C-alpha cells in the first residue's frame, strides 16, 4: 500500500501543469498589489499551477518595495522577482520573464488593471484541449465588457492589426492585445529583439512563420485606463509598431 501511494504521488507531480504569468512592471507601485490579488484569486482549470514572474524595469517609484511587501505577506503565491538595473522597455522586461519561465504555458499580464486575470481560463482552454499552440485575447470580439475611451486609439489598433494581417496572412482582430498565451517551448524558441512596444508586431510576425502553428483567438474584456490614470503608450509607439511590422515581415525575417 505504501509503495502504491508513493507511486501515485509521483505520477501526480509529473502530470501537473503550470502556467507562467509574466508581468512587466514600471512605476506600478500604487497598483501592483491589486493585480497580484486578482492573479492569486484565480482558480485555474485543468489543475494548472501558477508561476508568477515579475520583472521590474528599473521603476522610479516604490514598485520594488510594494512587490517585496506582497511576497512577504503572500508566501503561498509562487512569485519570482527580477529587476533591471537600467530601464530597457516593456519588451526587454518580457524577454527576461519569458527566458526564465518554466511553466508549460506562458501568458503575458500587464501590471495595470486593464486586463482581468479571471479570464485566464478562457485563454488557456484551447491549448489544454489540444487545439492551439498560441492564443490571442481580442478586445474587439465577443460580448464581454469594454470601457469606451479613445476613438483614434481604437482606429490605430485596428489599422496596425490590418497591416500585420496583410503581411502575416493571419486573420486576427487584435494583434496589439496584451493577453497572449504560448506553449513555453514555442515562445522560448523565438529570437525576440524588440525591447519596447514593438514586442507585439514582432512576436506575431515570428509566430506566424512557425510551420503548422495553430493560432486561436478568444474574446476578452478590457478596462482601459486614461493617460491621467497611467496609460503609457502614445503615438510614437504606433509609428514604431508600423516599422516593426514591415521590418519583421519584409526587411528582416531572421
C-alpha atoms as a PDB file:
ATOM      1  CA  UNK A   1       0.000   0.000   0.000  1.00  0.00           C
ATOM      2  CA  UNK A   2       2.798   2.455   0.890  1.00  0.00           C
ATOM      3  CA  UNK A   3       4.536   1.791  -2.449  1.00  0.00           C
ATOM      4  CA  UNK A   4       1.272   2.370  -4.311  1.00  0.00           C
ATOM      5  CA  UNK A   5       0.736   5.713  -2.539  1.00  0.00           C
ATOM      6  CA  UNK A   6       4.262   6.911  -3.353  1.00  0.00           C
ATOM      7  CA  UNK A   7       3.842   5.882  -6.991  1.00  0.00           C
ATOM      8  CA  UNK A   8       0.544   7.766  -7.195  1.00  0.00           C
ATOM      9  CA  UNK A   9       2.089  10.905  -5.668  1.00  0.00           C
ATOM     10  CA  UNK A  10       4.984  10.846  -8.127  1.00  0.00           C
ATOM     11  CA  UNK A  11       2.590  10.320 -11.037  1.00  0.00           C
ATOM     12  CA  UNK A  12       0.511  13.304  -9.929  1.00  0.00           C
ATOM     13  CA  UNK A  13       3.569  15.562  -9.709  1.00  0.00           C
ATOM     14  CA  UNK A  14       4.848  14.596 -13.151  1.00  0.00           C
ATOM     15  CA  UNK A  15       1.497  15.284 -14.832  1.00  0.00           C
ATOM     16  CA  UNK A  16       0.812  18.567 -13.025  1.00  0.00           C
ATOM     17  CA  UNK A  17       0.942  21.526 -15.445  1.00  0.00           C
ATOM     18  CA  UNK A  18       1.993  25.114 -14.701  1.00  0.00           C
ATOM     19  CA  UNK A  19       1.050  28.480 -16.171  1.00  0.00           C
ATOM     20  CA  UNK A  20       3.880  31.026 -16.092  1.00  0.00           C
ATOM     21  CA  UNK A  21       2.438  34.531 -15.694  1.00  0.00           C
ATOM     22  CA  UNK A  22       4.951  37.137 -16.876  1.00  0.00           C
ATOM     23  CA  UNK A  23       4.311  40.646 -15.509  1.00  0.00           C
ATOM     24  CA  UNK A  24       6.495  43.555 -16.715  1.00  0.00           C
ATOM     25  CA  UNK A  25       6.281  46.429 -14.232  1.00  0.00           C
ATOM     26  CA  UNK A  26       7.322  50.068 -14.471  1.00  0.00           C
ATOM     27  CA  UNK A  27       6.186  52.623 -11.876  1.00  0.00           C
ATOM     28  CA  UNK A  28       3.250  50.480 -10.742  1.00  0.00           C
ATOM     29  CA  UNK A  29       3.888  50.760  -7.006  1.00  0.00           C
ATOM     30  CA  UNK A  30       0.379  52.050  -6.280  1.00  0.00           C
ATOM     31  CA  UNK A  31      -1.475  49.268  -8.116  1.00  0.00           C
ATOM     32  CA  UNK A  32       0.804  46.217  -8.371  1.00  0.00           C
ATOM     33  CA  UNK A  33      -0.784  44.629  -5.290  1.00  0.00           C
ATOM     34  CA  UNK A  34      -4.231  44.912  -6.878  1.00  0.00           C
ATOM     35  CA  UNK A  35      -3.307  42.934  -9.977  1.00  0.00           C
ATOM     36  CA  UNK A  36      -1.449  40.381  -7.851  1.00  0.00           C
ATOM     37  CA  UNK A  37      -4.569  39.949  -5.700  1.00  0.00           C
ATOM     38  CA  UNK A  38      -6.515  39.162  -8.874  1.00  0.00           C
ATOM     39  CA  UNK A  39      -3.869  36.725 -10.103  1.00  0.00           C
ATOM     40  CA  UNK A  40      -3.844  34.980  -6.738  1.00  0.00           C
ATOM     41  CA  UNK A  41      -7.638  34.682  -6.633  1.00  0.00           C
ATOM     42  CA  UNK A  42      -7.951  32.917  -9.997  1.00  0.00           C
ATOM     43  CA  UNK A  43      -8.816  29.217  -9.803  1.00  0.00           C
ATOM     44  CA  UNK A  44      -7.239  27.720 -12.896  1.00  0.00           C
ATOM     45  CA  UNK A  45      -8.815  24.864 -14.827  1.00  0.00           C
ATOM     46  CA  UNK A  46      -7.128  21.565 -15.567  1.00  0.00           C
ATOM     47  CA  UNK A  47      -5.230  21.525 -12.279  1.00  0.00           C
ATOM     48  CA  UNK A  48      -2.899  24.267 -13.513  1.00  0.00           C
ATOM     49  CA  UNK A  49      -0.466  25.721 -11.006  1.00  0.00           C
ATOM     50  CA  UNK A  50       0.793  29.337 -11.139  1.00  0.00           C
ATOM     51  CA  UNK A  51       4.316  30.628 -11.558  1.00  0.00           C
ATOM     52  CA  UNK A  52       4.277  34.429 -11.277  1.00  0.00           C
ATOM     53  CA  UNK A  53       7.321  36.190 -12.760  1.00  0.00           C
ATOM     54  CA  UNK A  54       7.561  39.946 -12.133  1.00  0.00           C
ATOM     55  CA  UNK A  55      10.227  41.943 -13.957  1.00  0.00           C
ATOM     56  CA  UNK A  56      10.707  45.463 -12.613  1.00  0.00           C
ATOM     57  CA  UNK A  57      12.115  47.580 -15.449  1.00  0.00           C
ATOM     58  CA  UNK A  58      14.051  49.962 -13.168  1.00  0.00           C
ATOM     59  CA  UNK A  59      10.999  51.759 -11.782  1.00  0.00           C
ATOM     60  CA  UNK A  60      11.484  55.202 -10.238  1.00  0.00           C
ATOM     61  CA  UNK A  61       8.747  54.790  -7.644  1.00  0.00           C
ATOM     62  CA  UNK A  62       8.291  52.211  -4.856  1.00  0.00           C
ATOM     63  CA  UNK A  63       7.378  49.314  -7.169  1.00  0.00           C
ATOM     64  CA  UNK A  64      10.170  47.138  -5.747  1.00  0.00           C
ATOM     65  CA  UNK A  65       9.131  47.766  -2.142  1.00  0.00           C
ATOM     66  CA  UNK A  66       5.484  47.054  -2.987  1.00  0.00           C
ATOM     67  CA  UNK A  67       6.379  43.739  -4.633  1.00  0.00           C
ATOM     68  CA  UNK A  68       8.593  42.633  -1.747  1.00  0.00           C
ATOM     69  CA  UNK A  69       5.868  43.511   0.757  1.00  0.00           C
ATOM     70  CA  UNK A  70       3.429  41.431  -1.241  1.00  0.00           C
ATOM     71  CA  UNK A  71       5.836  38.484  -1.408  1.00  0.00           C
ATOM     72  CA  UNK A  72       6.319  38.593   2.347  1.00  0.00           C
ATOM     73  CA  UNK A  73       2.602  38.672   3.115  1.00  0.00           C
ATOM     74  CA  UNK A  74       1.594  36.104   0.465  1.00  0.00           C
ATOM     75  CA  UNK A  75       4.116  33.249   0.698  1.00  0.00           C
ATOM     76  CA  UNK A  76       1.577  30.802  -0.762  1.00  0.00           C
ATOM     77  CA  UNK A  77       1.753  32.531  -4.179  1.00  0.00           C
ATOM     78  CA  UNK A  78       4.837  31.434  -6.122  1.00  0.00           C
ATOM     79  CA  UNK A  79       6.419  34.764  -7.153  1.00  0.00           C
ATOM     80  CA  UNK A  80       9.805  35.196  -8.792  1.00  0.00           C
ATOM     81  CA  UNK A  81      11.036  38.786  -8.766  1.00  0.00           C
ATOM     82  CA  UNK A  82      13.679  40.279 -11.056  1.00  0.00           C
ATOM     83  CA  UNK A  83      14.865  43.837 -11.565  1.00  0.00           C
ATOM     84  CA  UNK A  84      16.591  45.562 -14.484  1.00  0.00           C
ATOM     85  CA  UNK A  85      19.301  47.903 -13.246  1.00  0.00           C
ATOM     86  CA  UNK A  86      18.596  50.291 -16.142  1.00  0.00           C
ATOM     87  CA  UNK A  87      15.305  50.970 -17.877  1.00  0.00           C
ATOM     88  CA  UNK A  88      15.159  48.916 -21.081  1.00  0.00           C
ATOM     89  CA  UNK A  89      11.480  48.903 -22.024  1.00  0.00           C
ATOM     90  CA  UNK A  90       8.453  46.618 -21.775  1.00  0.00           C
ATOM     91  CA  UNK A  91       9.716  44.272 -24.468  1.00  0.00           C
ATOM     92  CA  UNK A  92      13.017  43.766 -22.670  1.00  0.00           C
ATOM     93  CA  UNK A  93      11.170  43.000 -19.426  1.00  0.00           C
ATOM     94  CA  UNK A  94       9.097  40.426 -21.301  1.00  0.00           C
ATOM     95  CA  UNK A  95      12.245  38.869 -22.776  1.00  0.00           C
ATOM     96  CA  UNK A  96      13.630  38.409 -19.257  1.00  0.00           C
ATOM     97  CA  UNK A  97      10.425  36.885 -17.936  1.00  0.00           C
ATOM     98  CA  UNK A  98       9.942  34.581 -20.919  1.00  0.00           C
ATOM     99  CA  UNK A  99      13.537  33.373 -20.783  1.00  0.00           C
ATOM    100  CA  UNK A 100      13.286  32.192 -17.170  1.00  0.00           C
ATOM    101  CA  UNK A 101       9.726  30.795 -17.337  1.00  0.00           C
ATOM    102  CA  UNK A 102       9.468  27.093 -16.510  1.00  0.00           C
ATOM    103  CA  UNK A 103       5.721  26.514 -16.956  1.00  0.00           C
ATOM    104  CA  UNK A 104       4.041  24.507 -19.699  1.00  0.00           C
ATOM    105  CA  UNK A 105       2.378  27.711 -20.927  1.00  0.00           C
ATOM    106  CA  UNK A 106       3.334  31.390 -20.723  1.00  0.00           C
ATOM    107  CA  UNK A 107       0.846  34.268 -20.517  1.00  0.00           C
ATOM    108  CA  UNK A 108       1.606  37.988 -20.679  1.00  0.00           C
ATOM    109  CA  UNK A 109      -0.037  40.102 -17.959  1.00  0.00           C
ATOM    110  CA  UNK A 110       0.311  43.898 -17.729  1.00  0.00           C
ATOM    111  CA  UNK A 111       0.797  45.260 -14.205  1.00  0.00           C
ATOM    112  CA  UNK A 112      -2.077  47.716 -14.568  1.00  0.00           C
ATOM    113  CA  UNK A 113      -5.772  46.834 -14.240  1.00  0.00           C
ATOM    114  CA  UNK A 114      -6.781  46.937 -17.923  1.00  0.00           C
ATOM    115  CA  UNK A 115      -6.957  43.142 -18.311  1.00  0.00           C
ATOM    116  CA  UNK A 116      -8.755  40.725 -15.974  1.00  0.00           C
ATOM    117  CA  UNK A 117      -6.884  37.591 -14.789  1.00  0.00           C
ATOM    118  CA  UNK A 118     -10.278  35.923 -14.223  1.00  0.00           C
ATOM    119  CA  UNK A 119     -10.197  35.290 -17.976  1.00  0.00           C
ATOM    120  CA  UNK A 120      -7.046  33.144 -17.916  1.00  0.00           C
ATOM    121  CA  UNK A 121      -9.193  30.036 -18.196  1.00  0.00           C
ATOM    122  CA  UNK A 122     -10.793  31.290 -21.415  1.00  0.00           C
ATOM    123  CA  UNK A 123      -7.328  31.856 -22.861  1.00  0.00           C
ATOM    124  CA  UNK A 124      -5.645  28.604 -21.828  1.00  0.00           C
ATOM    125  CA  UNK A 125      -8.564  26.283 -22.675  1.00  0.00           C
ATOM    126  CA  UNK A 126      -7.805  25.911 -26.430  1.00  0.00           C
ATOM    127  CA  UNK A 127      -4.236  24.856 -25.536  1.00  0.00           C
ATOM    128  CA  UNK A 128      -5.305  22.492 -22.749  1.00  0.00           C
ATOM    129  CA  UNK A 129      -7.877  20.934 -25.084  1.00  0.00           C
ATOM    130  CA  UNK A 130      -5.150  20.239 -27.631  1.00  0.00           C
ATOM    131  CA  UNK A 131      -6.360  22.618 -30.354  1.00  0.00           C
ATOM    132  CA  UNK A 132      -3.906  25.540 -30.107  1.00  0.00           C
ATOM    133  CA  UNK A 133      -0.248  26.391 -29.647  1.00  0.00           C
ATOM    134  CA  UNK A 134      -0.862  30.138 -29.258  1.00  0.00           C
ATOM    135  CA  UNK A 135      -3.979  32.037 -28.120  1.00  0.00           C
ATOM    136  CA  UNK A 136      -4.629  35.780 -28.508  1.00  0.00           C
ATOM    137  CA  UNK A 137      -7.219  37.550 -26.356  1.00  0.00           C
ATOM    138  CA  UNK A 138      -9.152  40.011 -28.518  1.00  0.00           C
ATOM    139  CA  UNK A 139     -10.682  43.200 -27.148  1.00  0.00           C
ATOM    140  CA  UNK A 140     -12.720  43.568 -30.342  1.00  0.00           C
ATOM    141  CA  UNK A 141     -14.701  40.330 -30.408  1.00  0.00           C
ATOM    142  CA  UNK A 142     -17.241  38.711 -28.112  1.00  0.00           C
ATOM    143  CA  UNK A 143     -19.755  40.191 -25.697  1.00  0.00           C
ATOM    144  CA  UNK A 144     -17.533  40.994 -22.729  1.00  0.00           C
ATOM    145  CA  UNK A 145     -17.348  44.491 -21.176  1.00  0.00           C
ATOM    146  CA  UNK A 146     -15.108  47.152 -22.731  1.00  0.00           C
ATOM    147  CA  UNK A 147     -14.510  50.624 -21.386  1.00  0.00           C
ATOM    148  CA  UNK A 148     -15.213  53.268 -24.041  1.00  0.00           C
ATOM    149  CA  UNK A 149     -12.254  55.617 -24.411  1.00  0.00           C
ATOM    150  CA  UNK A 150     -10.323  56.925 -27.413  1.00  0.00           C
ATOM    151  CA  UNK A 151     -11.665  56.777 -31.000  1.00  0.00           C
ATOM    152  CA  UNK A 152      -8.312  57.317 -32.699  1.00  0.00           C
ATOM    153  CA  UNK A 153      -6.578  54.868 -30.381  1.00  0.00           C
ATOM    154  CA  UNK A 154      -9.045  52.196 -31.497  1.00  0.00           C
ATOM    155  CA  UNK A 155      -8.636  53.110 -35.156  1.00  0.00           C
ATOM    156  CA  UNK A 156      -4.863  52.926 -34.718  1.00  0.00           C
ATOM    157  CA  UNK A 157      -5.073  49.454 -33.157  1.00  0.00           C
ATOM    158  CA  UNK A 158      -7.295  48.179 -35.950  1.00  0.00           C
ATOM    159  CA  UNK A 159      -5.022  49.656 -38.618  1.00  0.00           C
ATOM    160  CA  UNK A 160      -1.949  48.009 -37.078  1.00  0.00           C
ATOM    161  CA  UNK A 161      -3.799  44.687 -36.908  1.00  0.00           C
ATOM    162  CA  UNK A 162      -4.887  45.048 -40.549  1.00  0.00           C
ATOM    163  CA  UNK A 163      -1.334  45.825 -41.683  1.00  0.00           C
ATOM    164  CA  UNK A 164       0.064  42.934 -39.659  1.00  0.00           C
ATOM    165  CA  UNK A 165      -2.558  40.537 -41.040  1.00  0.00           C
ATOM    166  CA  UNK A 166      -1.791  41.607 -44.609  1.00  0.00           C
ATOM    167  CA  UNK A 167       1.850  40.640 -44.121  1.00  0.00           C
ATOM    168  CA  UNK A 168       1.454  37.527 -41.959  1.00  0.00           C
ATOM    169  CA  UNK A 169      -1.639  36.171 -43.752  1.00  0.00           C
ATOM    170  CA  UNK A 170      -3.372  35.775 -40.396  1.00  0.00           C
ATOM    171  CA  UNK A 171      -6.904  36.924 -39.596  1.00  0.00           C
ATOM    172  CA  UNK A 172      -6.513  38.384 -36.100  1.00  0.00           C
ATOM    173  CA  UNK A 173      -8.853  41.064 -34.805  1.00  0.00           C
ATOM    174  CA  UNK A 174      -6.443  42.409 -32.140  1.00  0.00           C
ATOM    175  CA  UNK A 175      -2.724  41.972 -32.785  1.00  0.00           C
ATOM    176  CA  UNK A 176      -1.809  44.627 -30.197  1.00  0.00           C
ATOM    177  CA  UNK A 177      -3.552  42.898 -27.289  1.00  0.00           C
ATOM    178  CA  UNK A 178      -1.594  42.284 -24.096  1.00  0.00           C
ATOM    179  CA  UNK A 179      -3.200  38.892 -23.477  1.00  0.00           C
ATOM    180  CA  UNK A 180      -1.270  36.286 -25.415  1.00  0.00           C
ATOM    181  CA  UNK A 181      -0.708  32.698 -24.284  1.00  0.00           C
ATOM    182  CA  UNK A 182       2.008  30.492 -25.741  1.00  0.00           C
ATOM    183  CA  UNK A 183       3.224  26.987 -25.216  1.00  0.00           C
ATOM    184  CA  UNK A 184       6.511  27.628 -23.449  1.00  0.00           C
ATOM    185  CA  UNK A 185       8.656  25.832 -25.998  1.00  0.00           C
ATOM    186  CA  UNK A 186       7.039  27.914 -28.753  1.00  0.00           C
ATOM    187  CA  UNK A 187       7.730  31.353 -27.271  1.00  0.00           C
ATOM    188  CA  UNK A 188      11.181  30.430 -25.956  1.00  0.00           C
ATOM    189  CA  UNK A 189      12.227  29.266 -29.437  1.00  0.00           C
ATOM    190  CA  UNK A 190      11.775  32.759 -30.929  1.00  0.00           C
ATOM    191  CA  UNK A 191      14.780  35.149 -31.253  1.00  0.00           C
ATOM    192  CA  UNK A 192      12.903  38.185 -29.930  1.00  0.00           C
ATOM    193  CA  UNK A 193      14.702  41.540 -30.182  1.00  0.00           C
ATOM    194  CA  UNK A 194      12.263  44.418 -29.696  1.00  0.00           C
ATOM    195  CA  UNK A 195      12.831  45.997 -26.282  1.00  0.00           C
ATOM    196  CA  UNK A 196       9.909  48.380 -26.136  1.00  0.00           C
ATOM    197  CA  UNK A 197       6.391  48.424 -27.591  1.00  0.00           C
ATOM    198  CA  UNK A 198       7.458  46.632 -30.768  1.00  0.00           C
ATOM    199  CA  UNK A 199       7.047  43.306 -28.961  1.00  0.00           C
ATOM    200  CA  UNK A 200       3.521  42.612 -30.263  1.00  0.00           C
ATOM    201  CA  UNK A 201       4.163  43.013 -34.015  1.00  0.00           C
ATOM    202  CA  UNK A 202       7.488  41.194 -33.754  1.00  0.00           C
ATOM    203  CA  UNK A 203       6.186  38.188 -31.851  1.00  0.00           C
ATOM    204  CA  UNK A 204       3.174  37.977 -34.185  1.00  0.00           C
ATOM    205  CA  UNK A 205       5.396  38.032 -37.275  1.00  0.00           C
ATOM    206  CA  UNK A 206       7.725  35.376 -35.876  1.00  0.00           C
ATOM    207  CA  UNK A 207       4.931  33.110 -34.624  1.00  0.00           C
ATOM    208  CA  UNK A 208       3.150  33.267 -37.983  1.00  0.00           C
ATOM    209  CA  UNK A 209       6.189  31.731 -39.714  1.00  0.00           C
ATOM    210  CA  UNK A 210       6.385  28.636 -37.488  1.00  0.00           C
ATOM    211  CA  UNK A 211       5.409  25.623 -39.635  1.00  0.00           C
ATOM    212  CA  UNK A 212       1.967  24.191 -38.795  1.00  0.00           C
ATOM    213  CA  UNK A 213       1.480  26.646 -35.891  1.00  0.00           C
ATOM    214  CA  UNK A 214      -2.070  26.675 -34.531  1.00  0.00           C
ATOM    215  CA  UNK A 215      -3.157  30.190 -33.503  1.00  0.00           C
ATOM    216  CA  UNK A 216      -6.531  30.780 -31.862  1.00  0.00           C
ATOM    217  CA  UNK A 217      -8.311  33.956 -30.729  1.00  0.00           C
ATOM    218  CA  UNK A 218     -10.885  34.392 -27.951  1.00  0.00           C
ATOM    219  CA  UNK A 219     -12.884  37.415 -26.820  1.00  0.00           C
ATOM    220  CA  UNK A 220     -11.816  39.171 -23.616  1.00  0.00           C
ATOM    221  CA  UNK A 221     -12.952  42.200 -21.628  1.00  0.00           C
ATOM    222  CA  UNK A 222     -10.969  45.432 -21.438  1.00  0.00           C
ATOM    223  CA  UNK A 223     -10.892  48.023 -18.654  1.00  0.00           C
ATOM    224  CA  UNK A 224      -8.788  50.690 -20.365  1.00  0.00           C
ATOM    225  CA  UNK A 225      -7.007  53.474 -18.491  1.00  0.00           C
ATOM    226  CA  UNK A 226      -6.755  57.123 -19.483  1.00  0.00           C
ATOM    227  CA  UNK A 227      -3.367  58.836 -19.682  1.00  0.00           C
ATOM    228  CA  UNK A 228      -4.184  60.571 -16.385  1.00  0.00           C
ATOM    229  CA  UNK A 229      -4.702  57.127 -14.840  1.00  0.00           C
ATOM    230  CA  UNK A 230      -1.306  55.938 -16.007  1.00  0.00           C
ATOM    231  CA  UNK A 231      -1.630  54.745 -19.604  1.00  0.00           C
ATOM    232  CA  UNK A 232       1.851  54.882 -21.155  1.00  0.00           C
ATOM    233  CA  UNK A 233       1.543  54.068 -24.866  1.00  0.00           C
ATOM    234  CA  UNK A 234       1.468  57.030 -27.295  1.00  0.00           C
ATOM    235  CA  UNK A 235       1.549  57.928 -30.977  1.00  0.00           C
ATOM    236  CA  UNK A 236       5.307  57.354 -31.225  1.00  0.00           C
ATOM    237  CA  UNK A 237       4.732  53.748 -30.239  1.00  0.00           C
ATOM    238  CA  UNK A 238       2.241  53.463 -33.093  1.00  0.00           C
ATOM    239  CA  UNK A 239       4.863  54.527 -35.627  1.00  0.00           C
ATOM    240  CA  UNK A 240       7.344  52.097 -34.077  1.00  0.00           C
ATOM    241  CA  UNK A 241       4.769  49.319 -34.455  1.00  0.00           C
ATOM    242  CA  UNK A 242       4.386  50.107 -38.177  1.00  0.00           C
ATOM    243  CA  UNK A 243       8.155  49.975 -38.577  1.00  0.00           C
ATOM    244  CA  UNK A 244       8.303  46.616 -36.751  1.00  0.00           C
ATOM    245  CA  UNK A 245       5.521  45.123 -38.864  1.00  0.00           C
ATOM    246  CA  UNK A 246       7.460  45.968 -42.025  1.00  0.00           C
ATOM    247  CA  UNK A 247      10.837  45.034 -40.529  1.00  0.00           C
ATOM    248  CA  UNK A 248       9.941  41.564 -39.248  1.00  0.00           C
ATOM    249  CA  UNK A 249       7.685  40.607 -42.145  1.00  0.00           C
ATOM    250  CA  UNK A 250       9.601  42.078 -45.098  1.00  0.00           C
ATOM    251  CA  UNK A 251      13.029  43.532 -44.326  1.00  0.00           C
ATOM    252  CA  UNK A 252      14.366  41.022 -41.834  1.00  0.00           C
ATOM    253  CA  UNK A 253      12.893  37.597 -41.227  1.00  0.00           C
ATOM    254  CA  UNK A 254      15.773  36.304 -39.121  1.00  0.00           C
END
